[in-house]
Amino acid sequence: MSMHSASAIFPLHMGGSISWWVYALAEKSIQLDVQEYFIKQSYHNRMHILSANGLLALSAPTSGGNFQRPLHEIKLNYSHNLMAKNRMALQSAYGSSPFYEHYDYLLEPVLFNEYVFLHELSFALIHWINKQLKLTIDLSKTENYTPQVDTADYRKMFDAKKK
């Protein structure tokens, strides 16, 4: 997937929130920024799902020393078996939903492909959602960090600490 000068630039979130996807759908082509700095307690490594008890945060654990490092350098940490716990949370929240069984086995290879880097998992999830929803968003990753862009810039729009 190639970079387009007309592509909007988006933060690379783990799966993307509903509002992230609403804005992404308005664009034909988006670049996911893998060069911006990793922010702890952000959507870089977490997503929220609706469970019977309200919002539930699912996260991808990262290896230490993540301060002042670009997202593309952040490694995943599999020692906590958190991905299996995330899958159990998804099954608990949505297992009795119609069509869950039609997507569960398709999502499993994405969740359990032991990616080395967080951005690989996040990109795979976004690509999977794009494909499952039969969307035609052209996805690419940034090659350099650009503080100012000439196209739509959504990087500061989504904050995990605000509702």
N, C-alpha and C. Protein backbone atom coordinates (compact mmCIF):
# COMPACT_ATOMS: atom_id res chain seq x y z
N MET A 1 0.85 -1.16 0.00
CA MET A 1 0.00 0.00 0.00
C MET A 1 0.89 1.22 0.00
N SER A 2 0.66 2.09 -0.90
CA SER A 2 1.55 3.22 -1.08
C SER A 2 1.06 4.45 -0.34
N MET A 3 2.00 5.37 -0.13
CA MET A 3 1.66 6.63 0.49
C MET A 3 1.09 7.57 -0.56
N HIS A 4 0.04 8.25 -0.23
CA HIS A 4 -0.54 9.24 -1.13
C HIS A 4 -0.42 10.60 -0.47
N SER A 5 -0.08 11.61 -1.26
CA SER A 5 0.03 12.94 -0.68
C SER A 5 -1.33 13.45 -0.21
N ALA A 6 -2.42 12.91 -0.76
CA ALA A 6 -3.76 13.36 -0.39
C ALA A 6 -4.34 12.56 0.78
N SER A 7 -3.58 11.63 1.33
CA SER A 7 -4.07 10.82 2.44
C SER A 7 -4.19 11.64 3.71
N ALA A 8 -5.29 11.42 4.42
CA ALA A 8 -5.42 12.01 5.75
C ALA A 8 -4.49 11.25 6.68
N ILE A 9 -4.06 11.89 7.75
CA ILE A 9 -3.16 11.21 8.69
C ILE A 9 -3.92 10.94 9.99
N PHE A 10 -3.83 9.69 10.44
CA PHE A 10 -4.55 9.22 11.62
C PHE A 10 -3.57 8.64 12.63
N PRO A 11 -3.92 8.70 13.92
CA PRO A 11 -3.13 7.97 14.90
C PRO A 11 -3.36 6.48 14.72
N LEU A 12 -2.35 5.68 14.99
CA LEU A 12 -2.50 4.23 14.89
C LEU A 12 -2.98 3.70 16.23
N HIS A 13 -4.26 3.43 16.31
CA HIS A 13 -4.87 2.92 17.53
C HIS A 13 -5.10 1.43 17.41
N MET A 14 -5.20 0.78 18.54
CA MET A 14 -5.46 -0.65 18.58
C MET A 14 -6.93 -0.89 18.21
N GLY A 15 -7.17 -1.18 16.95
CA GLY A 15 -8.53 -1.44 16.48
C GLY A 15 -9.31 -0.20 16.08
N GLY A 16 -9.05 0.90 16.71
CA GLY A 16 -9.79 2.13 16.42
C GLY A 16 -11.14 2.15 17.11
N SER A 17 -11.51 3.29 17.67
CA SER A 17 -12.81 3.45 18.32
C SER A 17 -13.88 3.70 17.26
N ILE A 18 -15.13 3.71 17.67
CA ILE A 18 -16.22 4.00 16.74
C ILE A 18 -16.02 5.39 16.12
N SER A 19 -15.67 6.38 16.95
CA SER A 19 -15.47 7.73 16.40
C SER A 19 -14.27 7.76 15.45
N TRP A 20 -13.22 7.00 15.74
CA TRP A 20 -12.06 6.91 14.84
C TRP A 20 -12.53 6.41 13.47
N TRP A 21 -13.36 5.36 13.46
CA TRP A 21 -13.85 4.78 12.21
C TRP A 21 -14.81 5.72 11.48
N VAL A 22 -15.61 6.50 12.21
CA VAL A 22 -16.50 7.47 11.57
C VAL A 22 -15.68 8.46 10.75
N TYR A 23 -14.61 8.98 11.34
CA TYR A 23 -13.75 9.92 10.62
C TYR A 23 -12.98 9.22 9.50
N ALA A 24 -12.53 8.01 9.75
CA ALA A 24 -11.79 7.27 8.71
C ALA A 24 -12.67 7.01 7.49
N LEU A 25 -13.95 6.71 7.73
CA LEU A 25 -14.88 6.46 6.62
C LEU A 25 -15.09 7.68 5.73
N ALA A 26 -14.87 8.86 6.29
CA ALA A 26 -15.02 10.09 5.51
C ALA A 26 -13.84 10.31 4.57
N GLU A 27 -12.78 9.53 4.75
CA GLU A 27 -11.57 9.66 3.93
C GLU A 27 -11.45 8.45 3.02
N LYS A 28 -10.95 8.63 1.84
CA LYS A 28 -10.73 7.51 0.92
C LYS A 28 -9.42 6.79 1.20
N SER A 29 -8.48 7.55 1.72
CA SER A 29 -7.13 7.04 1.94
C SER A 29 -6.59 7.63 3.23
N ILE A 30 -6.03 6.77 4.10
CA ILE A 30 -5.45 7.28 5.34
C ILE A 30 -4.07 6.71 5.57
N GLN A 31 -3.24 7.55 6.17
CA GLN A 31 -1.92 7.12 6.62
C GLN A 31 -1.98 6.97 8.13
N LEU A 32 -1.52 5.85 8.63
CA LEU A 32 -1.48 5.60 10.06
C LEU A 32 -0.10 5.99 10.56
N ASP A 33 -0.07 6.89 11.53
CA ASP A 33 1.21 7.45 11.99
C ASP A 33 1.92 6.50 12.95
N VAL A 34 2.92 5.81 12.45
CA VAL A 34 3.72 4.90 13.29
C VAL A 34 4.98 5.60 13.80
N GLN A 35 5.14 6.88 13.44
CA GLN A 35 6.33 7.64 13.82
C GLN A 35 6.10 8.51 15.06
N GLU A 36 4.83 8.76 15.41
CA GLU A 36 4.58 9.61 16.58
C GLU A 36 5.01 8.87 17.84
N TYR A 37 5.24 9.63 18.92
CA TYR A 37 5.68 9.02 20.17
C TYR A 37 4.56 8.22 20.82
N PHE A 38 4.94 7.08 21.37
CA PHE A 38 4.02 6.23 22.12
C PHE A 38 3.57 6.99 23.36
N ILE A 39 2.28 6.95 23.64
CA ILE A 39 1.74 7.59 24.83
C ILE A 39 1.10 6.51 25.69
N LYS A 40 1.57 6.42 26.95
CA LYS A 40 0.99 5.45 27.87
C LYS A 40 -0.46 5.82 28.16
N GLN A 41 -1.28 4.82 28.48
CA GLN A 41 -2.70 4.99 28.79
C GLN A 41 -3.43 5.71 27.66
N SER A 42 -3.10 5.36 26.44
CA SER A 42 -3.76 5.94 25.27
C SER A 42 -4.34 4.81 24.44
N TYR A 43 -4.97 5.17 23.34
CA TYR A 43 -5.51 4.16 22.43
C TYR A 43 -4.42 3.48 21.61
N HIS A 44 -3.17 3.90 21.81
CA HIS A 44 -2.09 3.21 21.10
C HIS A 44 -2.07 1.73 21.44
N ASN A 45 -2.33 1.40 22.70
CA ASN A 45 -2.30 -0.01 23.08
C ASN A 45 -3.53 -0.45 23.87
N ARG A 46 -4.64 0.26 23.68
CA ARG A 46 -5.87 -0.17 24.36
C ARG A 46 -7.08 0.13 23.50
N MET A 47 -8.13 -0.61 23.77
CA MET A 47 -9.43 -0.37 23.15
C MET A 47 -10.49 -0.62 24.21
N HIS A 48 -11.65 -0.07 24.00
CA HIS A 48 -12.76 -0.29 24.91
C HIS A 48 -13.85 -1.08 24.21
N ILE A 49 -14.42 -2.03 24.94
CA ILE A 49 -15.58 -2.76 24.45
C ILE A 49 -16.70 -2.57 25.46
N LEU A 50 -17.92 -2.79 25.02
CA LEU A 50 -19.06 -2.69 25.91
C LEU A 50 -19.35 -4.08 26.45
N SER A 51 -19.28 -4.22 27.76
CA SER A 51 -19.57 -5.51 28.39
C SER A 51 -20.86 -5.37 29.21
N ALA A 52 -21.28 -6.44 29.82
CA ALA A 52 -22.50 -6.41 30.65
C ALA A 52 -22.35 -5.43 31.81
N ASN A 53 -21.11 -5.18 32.23
CA ASN A 53 -20.84 -4.27 33.35
C ASN A 53 -20.38 -2.89 32.90
N GLY A 54 -20.61 -2.54 31.65
CA GLY A 54 -20.20 -1.23 31.14
C GLY A 54 -18.94 -1.34 30.30
N LEU A 55 -18.26 -0.21 30.14
CA LEU A 55 -17.05 -0.19 29.32
C LEU A 55 -15.95 -1.02 29.96
N LEU A 56 -15.27 -1.80 29.13
CA LEU A 56 -14.16 -2.62 29.58
C LEU A 56 -12.96 -2.33 28.69
N ALA A 57 -11.83 -2.02 29.31
CA ALA A 57 -10.61 -1.71 28.56
C ALA A 57 -9.84 -3.00 28.28
N LEU A 58 -9.52 -3.23 27.01
CA LEU A 58 -8.63 -4.31 26.61
C LEU A 58 -7.31 -3.66 26.23
N SER A 59 -6.20 -4.26 26.63
CA SER A 59 -4.92 -3.64 26.29
C SER A 59 -3.92 -4.67 25.82
N ALA A 60 -2.93 -4.16 25.11
CA ALA A 60 -1.81 -4.99 24.66
C ALA A 60 -0.61 -4.56 25.49
N PRO A 61 -0.07 -5.45 26.32
CA PRO A 61 1.05 -5.07 27.17
C PRO A 61 2.32 -4.84 26.34
N THR A 62 3.07 -3.83 26.74
CA THR A 62 4.30 -3.50 26.03
C THR A 62 5.50 -3.72 26.94
N SER A 63 6.65 -3.87 26.32
CA SER A 63 7.89 -4.01 27.08
C SER A 63 8.29 -2.64 27.61
N GLY A 64 8.96 -2.63 28.75
CA GLY A 64 9.31 -1.38 29.44
C GLY A 64 10.16 -0.42 28.63
N GLY A 65 10.39 0.74 29.22
CA GLY A 65 11.22 1.75 28.58
C GLY A 65 10.60 2.37 27.36
N ASN A 66 9.28 2.64 27.42
CA ASN A 66 8.58 3.16 26.25
C ASN A 66 8.52 4.68 26.18
N PHE A 67 9.12 5.36 27.14
CA PHE A 67 9.05 6.81 27.13
C PHE A 67 9.93 7.39 26.03
N GLN A 68 9.42 8.43 25.38
CA GLN A 68 10.15 9.15 24.34
C GLN A 68 10.64 8.23 23.22
N ARG A 69 9.78 7.30 22.83
CA ARG A 69 10.12 6.41 21.72
C ARG A 69 8.99 6.40 20.71
N PRO A 70 9.33 6.38 19.43
CA PRO A 70 8.27 6.34 18.41
C PRO A 70 7.50 5.02 18.47
N LEU A 71 6.26 5.10 18.07
CA LEU A 71 5.36 3.95 18.13
C LEU A 71 5.93 2.72 17.41
N HIS A 72 6.60 2.93 16.29
CA HIS A 72 7.10 1.78 15.52
C HIS A 72 8.22 1.03 16.25
N GLU A 73 8.74 1.57 17.33
CA GLU A 73 9.80 0.89 18.11
C GLU A 73 9.25 0.16 19.33
N ILE A 74 7.98 0.31 19.64
CA ILE A 74 7.40 -0.26 20.86
C ILE A 74 7.14 -1.76 20.66
N LYS A 75 7.74 -2.55 21.54
CA LYS A 75 7.59 -4.01 21.46
C LYS A 75 6.48 -4.50 22.39
N LEU A 76 5.85 -5.57 21.96
CA LEU A 76 4.81 -6.21 22.77
C LEU A 76 5.45 -7.13 23.81
N ASN A 77 4.74 -7.32 24.92
CA ASN A 77 5.20 -8.19 25.99
C ASN A 77 4.14 -9.27 26.19
N TYR A 78 4.50 -10.51 25.90
CA TYR A 78 3.54 -11.61 25.98
C TYR A 78 3.61 -12.38 27.30
N SER A 79 4.39 -11.91 28.27
CA SER A 79 4.57 -12.68 29.50
C SER A 79 3.33 -12.70 30.39
N HIS A 80 2.39 -11.79 30.20
CA HIS A 80 1.20 -11.73 31.05
C HIS A 80 0.01 -12.50 30.50
N ASN A 81 0.15 -13.09 29.32
CA ASN A 81 -0.94 -13.83 28.67
C ASN A 81 -2.19 -12.98 28.53
N LEU A 82 -1.98 -11.67 28.35
CA LEU A 82 -3.10 -10.74 28.30
C LEU A 82 -3.94 -10.89 27.04
N MET A 83 -3.35 -11.32 25.93
CA MET A 83 -4.13 -11.48 24.71
C MET A 83 -5.19 -12.58 24.90
N ALA A 84 -4.84 -13.64 25.61
CA ALA A 84 -5.83 -14.69 25.89
C ALA A 84 -6.93 -14.14 26.79
N LYS A 85 -6.57 -13.29 27.75
CA LYS A 85 -7.58 -12.68 28.62
C LYS A 85 -8.47 -11.73 27.82
N ASN A 86 -7.87 -11.01 26.87
CA ASN A 86 -8.67 -10.13 26.00
C ASN A 86 -9.67 -10.93 25.19
N ARG A 87 -9.22 -12.07 24.67
CA ARG A 87 -10.12 -12.92 23.89
C ARG A 87 -11.26 -13.44 24.75
N MET A 88 -10.95 -13.83 25.99
CA MET A 88 -11.99 -14.29 26.91
C MET A 88 -12.99 -13.17 27.21
N ALA A 89 -12.49 -11.94 27.35
CA ALA A 89 -13.37 -10.79 27.59
C ALA A 89 -14.28 -10.55 26.39
N LEU A 90 -13.73 -10.66 25.19
CA LEU A 90 -14.53 -10.51 23.98
C LEU A 90 -15.61 -11.58 23.91
N GLN A 91 -15.22 -12.82 24.23
CA GLN A 91 -16.17 -13.93 24.19
C GLN A 91 -17.26 -13.75 25.25
N SER A 92 -16.88 -13.29 26.43
CA SER A 92 -17.84 -13.07 27.49
C SER A 92 -18.82 -11.95 27.12
N ALA A 93 -18.30 -10.88 26.52
CA ALA A 93 -19.14 -9.73 26.16
C ALA A 93 -20.03 -10.01 24.95
N TYR A 94 -19.51 -10.76 23.97
CA TYR A 94 -20.21 -10.88 22.70
C TYR A 94 -20.51 -12.31 22.27
N GLY A 95 -20.13 -13.31 23.05
CA GLY A 95 -20.27 -14.71 22.67
C GLY A 95 -21.68 -15.13 22.32
N SER A 96 -22.69 -14.53 22.96
CA SER A 96 -24.08 -14.91 22.67
C SER A 96 -24.71 -14.01 21.61
N SER A 97 -23.93 -13.07 21.06
CA SER A 97 -24.44 -12.17 20.02
C SER A 97 -24.63 -12.93 18.71
N PRO A 98 -25.61 -12.49 17.92
CA PRO A 98 -25.77 -13.11 16.60
C PRO A 98 -24.50 -12.89 15.77
N PHE A 99 -24.10 -13.86 15.05
CA PHE A 99 -22.95 -13.81 14.13
C PHE A 99 -21.58 -13.84 14.80
N TYR A 100 -21.53 -13.87 16.14
CA TYR A 100 -20.22 -13.90 16.81
C TYR A 100 -19.40 -15.09 16.31
N GLU A 101 -20.03 -16.24 16.19
CA GLU A 101 -19.31 -17.45 15.76
C GLU A 101 -18.79 -17.34 14.33
N HIS A 102 -19.33 -16.41 13.55
CA HIS A 102 -18.87 -16.22 12.17
C HIS A 102 -17.62 -15.34 12.08
N TYR A 103 -17.30 -14.64 13.17
CA TYR A 103 -16.14 -13.75 13.17
C TYR A 103 -15.06 -14.17 14.15
N ASP A 104 -15.43 -14.87 15.19
CA ASP A 104 -14.49 -15.27 16.23
C ASP A 104 -13.27 -15.99 15.67
N TYR A 105 -13.50 -17.00 14.85
CA TYR A 105 -12.38 -17.78 14.30
C TYR A 105 -11.57 -16.97 13.30
N LEU A 106 -12.15 -15.94 12.69
CA LEU A 106 -11.41 -15.09 11.76
C LEU A 106 -10.52 -14.09 12.50
N LEU A 107 -10.96 -13.66 13.67
CA LEU A 107 -10.19 -12.71 14.47
C LEU A 107 -9.04 -13.37 15.22
N GLU A 108 -9.23 -14.63 15.56
CA GLU A 108 -8.22 -15.34 16.36
C GLU A 108 -6.81 -15.29 15.77
N PRO A 109 -6.60 -15.52 14.47
CA PRO A 109 -5.24 -15.43 13.94
C PRO A 109 -4.62 -14.03 14.08
N VAL A 110 -5.46 -13.01 14.05
CA VAL A 110 -4.95 -11.64 14.23
C VAL A 110 -4.51 -11.44 15.68
N LEU A 111 -5.34 -11.87 16.62
CA LEU A 111 -5.01 -11.67 18.03
C LEU A 111 -3.86 -12.54 18.51
N PHE A 112 -3.71 -13.72 17.93
CA PHE A 112 -2.70 -14.65 18.45
C PHE A 112 -1.49 -14.84 17.55
N ASN A 113 -1.32 -13.99 16.57
CA ASN A 113 -0.11 -13.97 15.76
C ASN A 113 0.90 -13.16 16.56
N GLU A 114 1.84 -13.78 17.23
CA GLU A 114 2.72 -13.06 18.15
C GLU A 114 3.61 -12.05 17.44
N TYR A 115 3.02 -10.89 17.18
CA TYR A 115 3.74 -9.79 16.57
C TYR A 115 4.86 -9.34 17.51
N VAL A 116 5.93 -8.86 16.96
CA VAL A 116 7.02 -8.33 17.78
C VAL A 116 6.67 -6.92 18.24
N PHE A 117 6.11 -6.12 17.32
CA PHE A 117 5.86 -4.72 17.61
C PHE A 117 4.37 -4.41 17.72
N LEU A 118 4.05 -3.47 18.60
CA LEU A 118 2.68 -3.04 18.81
C LEU A 118 2.05 -2.54 17.52
N HIS A 119 2.78 -1.77 16.72
CA HIS A 119 2.20 -1.22 15.49
C HIS A 119 1.78 -2.32 14.52
N GLU A 120 2.44 -3.48 14.56
CA GLU A 120 2.06 -4.59 13.69
C GLU A 120 0.69 -5.14 14.09
N LEU A 121 0.47 -5.31 15.39
CA LEU A 121 -0.82 -5.78 15.89
C LEU A 121 -1.92 -4.76 15.57
N SER A 122 -1.65 -3.49 15.86
CA SER A 122 -2.66 -2.44 15.63
C SER A 122 -3.02 -2.33 14.15
N PHE A 123 -2.02 -2.36 13.28
CA PHE A 123 -2.28 -2.28 11.85
C PHE A 123 -3.08 -3.50 11.38
N ALA A 124 -2.74 -4.68 11.89
CA ALA A 124 -3.45 -5.91 11.52
C ALA A 124 -4.92 -5.83 11.95
N LEU A 125 -5.19 -5.32 13.13
CA LEU A 125 -6.57 -5.20 13.60
C LEU A 125 -7.37 -4.22 12.73
N ILE A 126 -6.77 -3.07 12.42
CA ILE A 126 -7.46 -2.08 11.59
C ILE A 126 -7.69 -2.64 10.19
N HIS A 127 -6.69 -3.29 9.66
CA HIS A 127 -6.83 -3.90 8.33
C HIS A 127 -7.93 -4.97 8.36
N TRP A 128 -7.98 -5.79 9.40
CA TRP A 128 -8.99 -6.84 9.54
C TRP A 128 -10.40 -6.23 9.59
N ILE A 129 -10.58 -5.18 10.40
CA ILE A 129 -11.89 -4.53 10.50
C ILE A 129 -12.29 -3.93 9.15
N ASN A 130 -11.34 -3.27 8.50
CA ASN A 130 -11.58 -2.68 7.18
C ASN A 130 -12.08 -3.75 6.20
N LYS A 131 -11.45 -4.92 6.26
CA LYS A 131 -11.81 -6.03 5.35
C LYS A 131 -13.17 -6.64 5.73
N GLN A 132 -13.38 -6.91 7.03
CA GLN A 132 -14.63 -7.55 7.46
C GLN A 132 -15.84 -6.68 7.19
N LEU A 133 -15.68 -5.37 7.31
CA LEU A 133 -16.79 -4.46 7.06
C LEU A 133 -16.91 -4.09 5.58
N LYS A 134 -16.03 -4.70 4.77
CA LYS A 134 -16.02 -4.46 3.32
C LYS A 134 -15.89 -2.97 3.00
N LEU A 135 -15.02 -2.31 3.75
CA LEU A 135 -14.74 -0.90 3.52
C LEU A 135 -13.65 -0.81 2.45
N THR A 136 -13.54 0.31 1.84
CA THR A 136 -12.55 0.48 0.78
C THR A 136 -11.52 1.56 1.14
N ILE A 137 -11.23 1.68 2.42
CA ILE A 137 -10.25 2.67 2.86
C ILE A 137 -8.86 2.15 2.51
N ASP A 138 -8.10 2.95 1.78
CA ASP A 138 -6.72 2.61 1.45
C ASP A 138 -5.86 2.94 2.67
N LEU A 139 -5.26 1.92 3.27
CA LEU A 139 -4.47 2.08 4.50
C LEU A 139 -2.98 2.04 4.18
N SER A 140 -2.23 2.94 4.77
CA SER A 140 -0.77 2.89 4.66
C SER A 140 -0.19 3.41 5.98
N LYS A 141 1.11 3.22 6.15
CA LYS A 141 1.81 3.70 7.34
C LYS A 141 2.72 4.86 6.95
N THR A 142 2.90 5.78 7.88
CA THR A 142 3.82 6.90 7.62
C THR A 142 5.25 6.39 7.60
N GLU A 143 6.08 7.08 6.85
CA GLU A 143 7.50 6.72 6.79
C GLU A 143 8.36 7.69 7.59
N ASN A 144 7.84 8.89 7.84
CA ASN A 144 8.56 9.90 8.61
C ASN A 144 7.56 10.61 9.50
N TYR A 145 8.07 11.20 10.60
CA TYR A 145 7.18 12.00 11.43
C TYR A 145 7.10 13.39 10.82
N THR A 146 5.87 13.86 10.60
CA THR A 146 5.65 15.18 10.04
C THR A 146 4.74 15.93 11.00
N PRO A 147 5.27 16.94 11.71
CA PRO A 147 4.43 17.66 12.67
C PRO A 147 3.29 18.44 12.00
N GLN A 148 3.53 18.98 10.83
CA GLN A 148 2.52 19.74 10.08
C GLN A 148 2.29 19.03 8.76
N VAL A 149 1.04 18.80 8.42
CA VAL A 149 0.72 18.17 7.14
C VAL A 149 -0.25 19.05 6.38
N ASP A 150 -0.29 18.91 5.06
CA ASP A 150 -1.18 19.69 4.21
C ASP A 150 -2.56 19.07 4.09
N THR A 151 -2.72 17.85 4.58
CA THR A 151 -4.00 17.15 4.47
C THR A 151 -4.68 17.11 5.84
N ALA A 152 -5.83 16.47 5.92
CA ALA A 152 -6.55 16.35 7.19
C ALA A 152 -5.68 15.59 8.20
N ASP A 153 -5.57 16.14 9.41
CA ASP A 153 -4.73 15.56 10.45
C ASP A 153 -5.60 15.25 11.67
N TYR A 154 -5.78 13.95 11.94
CA TYR A 154 -6.65 13.50 13.03
C TYR A 154 -5.86 13.04 14.25
N ARG A 155 -4.56 13.26 14.28
CA ARG A 155 -3.72 12.67 15.34
C ARG A 155 -4.04 13.15 16.74
N LYS A 156 -4.51 14.36 16.91
CA LYS A 156 -4.78 14.89 18.26
C LYS A 156 -6.26 14.83 18.64
N MET A 157 -7.05 14.18 17.81
CA MET A 157 -8.49 14.21 18.00
C MET A 157 -9.01 13.23 19.05
N PHE A 158 -8.35 12.12 19.27
CA PHE A 158 -8.89 11.06 20.12
C PHE A 158 -8.04 10.91 21.38
N ASP A 159 -8.67 11.09 22.54
CA ASP A 159 -7.95 11.03 23.81
C ASP A 159 -8.63 9.99 24.70
N ALA A 160 -7.87 8.97 25.07
CA ALA A 160 -8.43 7.86 25.87
C ALA A 160 -8.81 8.31 27.28
N LYS A 161 -8.29 9.44 27.72
CA LYS A 161 -8.58 9.91 29.08
C LYS A 161 -9.81 10.79 29.15
N LYS A 162 -10.37 11.15 27.97
CA LYS A 162 -11.59 11.97 27.94
C LYS A 162 -12.71 11.17 27.33
N LYS A 163 -13.94 11.47 27.72
CA LYS A 163 -15.10 10.76 27.15
C LYS A 163 -15.44 11.37 25.82
